[in-house]
């Protein structure tokens, strides 16, 4: 498998950052519902799913940023 270009890594990073922002907005809305008394089992479950997915996306973002720093330092 060939090396992935810096442009490809930057593009993936931008896509993941946009996805993280989208997930954060959904999570914020769910927190608002939960905090103001509109909590349901479904909203709690959905909040947990969104938080877990956001964490996975953020971990990938951190990995890509590290890889970009390493590749740019070469």
N, C-alpha and C. Protein backbone atom coordinates (compact mmCIF):
# COMPACT_ATOMS: atom_id res chain seq x y z
N UNK A 1 0.85 -1.17 0.00
CA UNK A 1 0.00 0.00 0.00
C UNK A 1 0.90 1.23 0.00
N UNK A 2 0.59 2.21 -0.85
CA UNK A 2 1.38 3.43 -0.96
C UNK A 2 1.14 4.37 0.20
N UNK A 3 2.05 5.31 0.32
CA UNK A 3 1.92 6.31 1.36
C UNK A 3 0.76 7.26 1.05
N UNK A 4 0.03 7.62 2.07
CA UNK A 4 -1.07 8.58 1.91
C UNK A 4 -0.45 9.98 1.88
N UNK A 5 -0.91 10.81 0.97
CA UNK A 5 -0.35 12.16 0.83
C UNK A 5 -0.79 13.07 1.98
N UNK A 6 -0.02 14.12 2.19
CA UNK A 6 -0.39 15.11 3.20
C UNK A 6 -1.73 15.74 2.89
N UNK A 7 -1.99 15.98 1.61
CA UNK A 7 -3.28 16.56 1.21
C UNK A 7 -4.43 15.63 1.58
N UNK A 8 -4.25 14.32 1.37
CA UNK A 8 -5.28 13.36 1.75
C UNK A 8 -5.52 13.37 3.26
N UNK A 9 -4.44 13.45 4.02
CA UNK A 9 -4.56 13.50 5.48
C UNK A 9 -5.28 14.77 5.92
N UNK A 10 -4.93 15.88 5.32
CA UNK A 10 -5.60 17.16 5.65
C UNK A 10 -7.08 17.13 5.29
N UNK A 11 -7.39 16.52 4.15
CA UNK A 11 -8.78 16.42 3.72
C UNK A 11 -9.58 15.56 4.72
N UNK A 12 -9.00 14.42 5.10
CA UNK A 12 -9.68 13.56 6.08
C UNK A 12 -9.85 14.29 7.41
N UNK A 13 -8.82 15.02 7.82
CA UNK A 13 -8.90 15.78 9.07
C UNK A 13 -10.05 16.80 9.01
N UNK A 14 -10.15 17.52 7.92
CA UNK A 14 -11.22 18.51 7.76
C UNK A 14 -12.60 17.85 7.81
N UNK A 15 -12.73 16.70 7.16
CA UNK A 15 -14.01 15.98 7.18
C UNK A 15 -14.35 15.52 8.59
N UNK A 16 -13.36 15.01 9.31
CA UNK A 16 -13.60 14.55 10.67
C UNK A 16 -13.91 15.72 11.61
N UNK A 17 -13.26 16.85 11.42
CA UNK A 17 -13.56 18.02 12.25
C UNK A 17 -14.99 18.49 12.01
N UNK A 18 -15.45 18.44 10.78
CA UNK A 18 -16.84 18.81 10.47
C UNK A 18 -17.80 17.81 11.12
N UNK A 19 -17.47 16.54 11.06
CA UNK A 19 -18.31 15.50 11.68
C UNK A 19 -18.34 15.69 13.20
N UNK A 20 -17.21 16.00 13.78
CA UNK A 20 -17.17 16.23 15.23
C UNK A 20 -18.04 17.43 15.61
N UNK A 21 -18.01 18.48 14.82
CA UNK A 21 -18.85 19.65 15.08
C UNK A 21 -20.33 19.29 14.99
N UNK A 22 -20.68 18.49 13.99
CA UNK A 22 -22.08 18.06 13.83
C UNK A 22 -22.52 17.23 15.04
N UNK A 23 -21.66 16.27 15.43
CA UNK A 23 -21.99 15.42 16.58
C UNK A 23 -22.09 16.24 17.86
N UNK A 24 -21.22 17.22 18.01
CA UNK A 24 -21.25 18.08 19.20
C UNK A 24 -22.56 18.87 19.27
N UNK A 25 -23.02 19.35 18.13
CA UNK A 25 -24.28 20.10 18.10
C UNK A 25 -25.46 19.20 18.49
N UNK A 26 -25.47 17.98 17.99
CA UNK A 26 -26.54 17.03 18.35
C UNK A 26 -26.47 16.74 19.84
N UNK A 27 -25.27 16.49 20.33
CA UNK A 27 -25.08 16.19 21.74
C UNK A 27 -25.51 17.37 22.61
N UNK A 28 -25.17 18.58 22.21
CA UNK A 28 -25.58 19.77 22.96
C UNK A 28 -27.11 19.88 23.05
N UNK A 29 -27.79 19.60 21.93
CA UNK A 29 -29.26 19.64 21.94
C UNK A 29 -29.83 18.59 22.90
N UNK A 30 -29.24 17.40 22.88
CA UNK A 30 -29.70 16.34 23.78
C UNK A 30 -29.44 16.73 25.24
N UNK A 31 -28.27 17.31 25.52
CA UNK A 31 -27.99 17.76 26.89
C UNK A 31 -29.00 18.81 27.32
N UNK A 32 -29.34 19.71 26.42
CA UNK A 32 -30.32 20.74 26.72
C UNK A 32 -31.67 20.10 27.09
N UNK A 33 -32.10 19.14 26.30
CA UNK A 33 -33.36 18.43 26.59
C UNK A 33 -33.30 17.76 27.95
N UNK A 34 -32.21 17.06 28.20
CA UNK A 34 -32.06 16.31 29.45
C UNK A 34 -32.00 17.27 30.64
N UNK A 35 -31.22 18.34 30.51
CA UNK A 35 -31.04 19.30 31.60
C UNK A 35 -32.32 20.05 31.96
N UNK A 36 -33.21 20.24 30.99
CA UNK A 36 -34.42 21.02 31.24
C UNK A 36 -35.67 20.16 31.40
N UNK A 37 -35.47 18.91 31.81
CA UNK A 37 -36.58 18.07 32.21
C UNK A 37 -37.28 17.29 31.13
N UNK A 38 -36.72 17.24 29.94
CA UNK A 38 -37.35 16.48 28.86
C UNK A 38 -36.62 15.17 28.60
N UNK A 39 -36.03 14.64 29.66
CA UNK A 39 -35.25 13.41 29.55
C UNK A 39 -36.17 12.21 29.37
N UNK A 40 -35.80 11.37 28.43
CA UNK A 40 -36.46 10.07 28.24
C UNK A 40 -35.36 9.02 28.16
N UNK A 41 -35.74 7.79 28.26
CA UNK A 41 -34.77 6.70 28.11
C UNK A 41 -34.13 6.78 26.72
N UNK A 42 -34.94 7.12 25.73
CA UNK A 42 -34.42 7.24 24.36
C UNK A 42 -33.40 8.36 24.25
N UNK A 43 -33.69 9.51 24.85
CA UNK A 43 -32.73 10.63 24.76
C UNK A 43 -31.44 10.31 25.50
N UNK A 44 -31.52 9.63 26.63
CA UNK A 44 -30.32 9.23 27.36
C UNK A 44 -29.48 8.25 26.54
N UNK A 45 -30.15 7.26 25.93
CA UNK A 45 -29.45 6.28 25.11
C UNK A 45 -28.81 6.95 23.90
N UNK A 46 -29.55 7.83 23.26
CA UNK A 46 -29.03 8.54 22.08
C UNK A 46 -27.85 9.44 22.46
N UNK A 47 -27.94 10.09 23.61
CA UNK A 47 -26.83 10.94 24.07
C UNK A 47 -25.57 10.11 24.27
N UNK A 48 -25.72 8.93 24.84
CA UNK A 48 -24.57 8.05 25.07
C UNK A 48 -23.98 7.59 23.74
N UNK A 49 -24.83 7.24 22.78
CA UNK A 49 -24.35 6.81 21.45
C UNK A 49 -23.60 7.95 20.76
N UNK A 50 -24.17 9.14 20.80
CA UNK A 50 -23.54 10.30 20.16
C UNK A 50 -22.21 10.63 20.84
N UNK A 51 -22.19 10.58 22.16
CA UNK A 51 -20.96 10.87 22.90
C UNK A 51 -19.87 9.86 22.56
N UNK A 52 -20.24 8.59 22.48
CA UNK A 52 -19.26 7.55 22.13
C UNK A 52 -18.72 7.75 20.73
N UNK A 53 -19.60 8.07 19.79
CA UNK A 53 -19.16 8.30 18.41
C UNK A 53 -18.28 9.54 18.33
N UNK A 54 -18.66 10.58 19.02
CA UNK A 54 -17.85 11.82 19.04
C UNK A 54 -16.46 11.54 19.60
N UNK A 55 -16.40 10.72 20.64
CA UNK A 55 -15.10 10.36 21.22
C UNK A 55 -14.24 9.60 20.22
N UNK A 56 -14.85 8.67 19.48
CA UNK A 56 -14.10 7.92 18.46
C UNK A 56 -13.59 8.85 17.36
N UNK A 57 -14.44 9.77 16.93
CA UNK A 57 -14.03 10.73 15.90
C UNK A 57 -12.90 11.61 16.44
N UNK A 58 -13.03 12.06 17.68
CA UNK A 58 -11.99 12.91 18.25
C UNK A 58 -10.66 12.16 18.40
N UNK A 59 -10.72 10.90 18.76
CA UNK A 59 -9.50 10.09 18.84
C UNK A 59 -8.82 10.00 17.48
N UNK A 60 -9.61 9.83 16.43
CA UNK A 60 -9.06 9.77 15.08
C UNK A 60 -8.46 11.12 14.68
N UNK A 61 -9.13 12.20 15.05
CA UNK A 61 -8.60 13.54 14.79
C UNK A 61 -7.24 13.71 15.46
N UNK A 62 -7.16 13.31 16.72
CA UNK A 62 -5.88 13.41 17.44
C UNK A 62 -4.80 12.60 16.74
N UNK A 63 -5.14 11.41 16.28
CA UNK A 63 -4.17 10.56 15.58
C UNK A 63 -3.71 11.20 14.28
N UNK A 64 -4.65 11.76 13.53
CA UNK A 64 -4.29 12.42 12.28
C UNK A 64 -3.42 13.65 12.51
N UNK A 65 -3.75 14.43 13.52
CA UNK A 65 -2.93 15.61 13.82
C UNK A 65 -1.50 15.21 14.18
N UNK A 66 -1.38 14.16 14.96
CA UNK A 66 -0.05 13.67 15.32
C UNK A 66 0.71 13.20 14.08
N UNK A 67 0.04 12.44 13.24
CA UNK A 67 0.66 11.95 12.01
C UNK A 67 1.08 13.11 11.11
N UNK A 68 0.22 14.10 10.98
CA UNK A 68 0.56 15.27 10.16
C UNK A 68 1.79 16.00 10.70
N UNK A 69 1.84 16.17 12.02
CA UNK A 69 3.02 16.83 12.61
C UNK A 69 4.29 16.03 12.32
N UNK A 70 4.20 14.72 12.47
CA UNK A 70 5.36 13.86 12.22
C UNK A 70 5.80 13.93 10.76
N UNK A 71 4.83 13.86 9.86
CA UNK A 71 5.15 13.87 8.42
C UNK A 71 5.67 15.23 7.97
N UNK A 72 5.17 16.31 8.55
CA UNK A 72 5.62 17.64 8.15
C UNK A 72 7.01 17.95 8.70
N UNK A 73 7.39 17.27 9.78
CA UNK A 73 8.70 17.50 10.39
C UNK A 73 9.82 16.82 9.62
N UNK A 74 9.46 15.92 8.73
CA UNK A 74 10.47 15.17 7.97
C UNK A 74 11.08 16.01 6.88
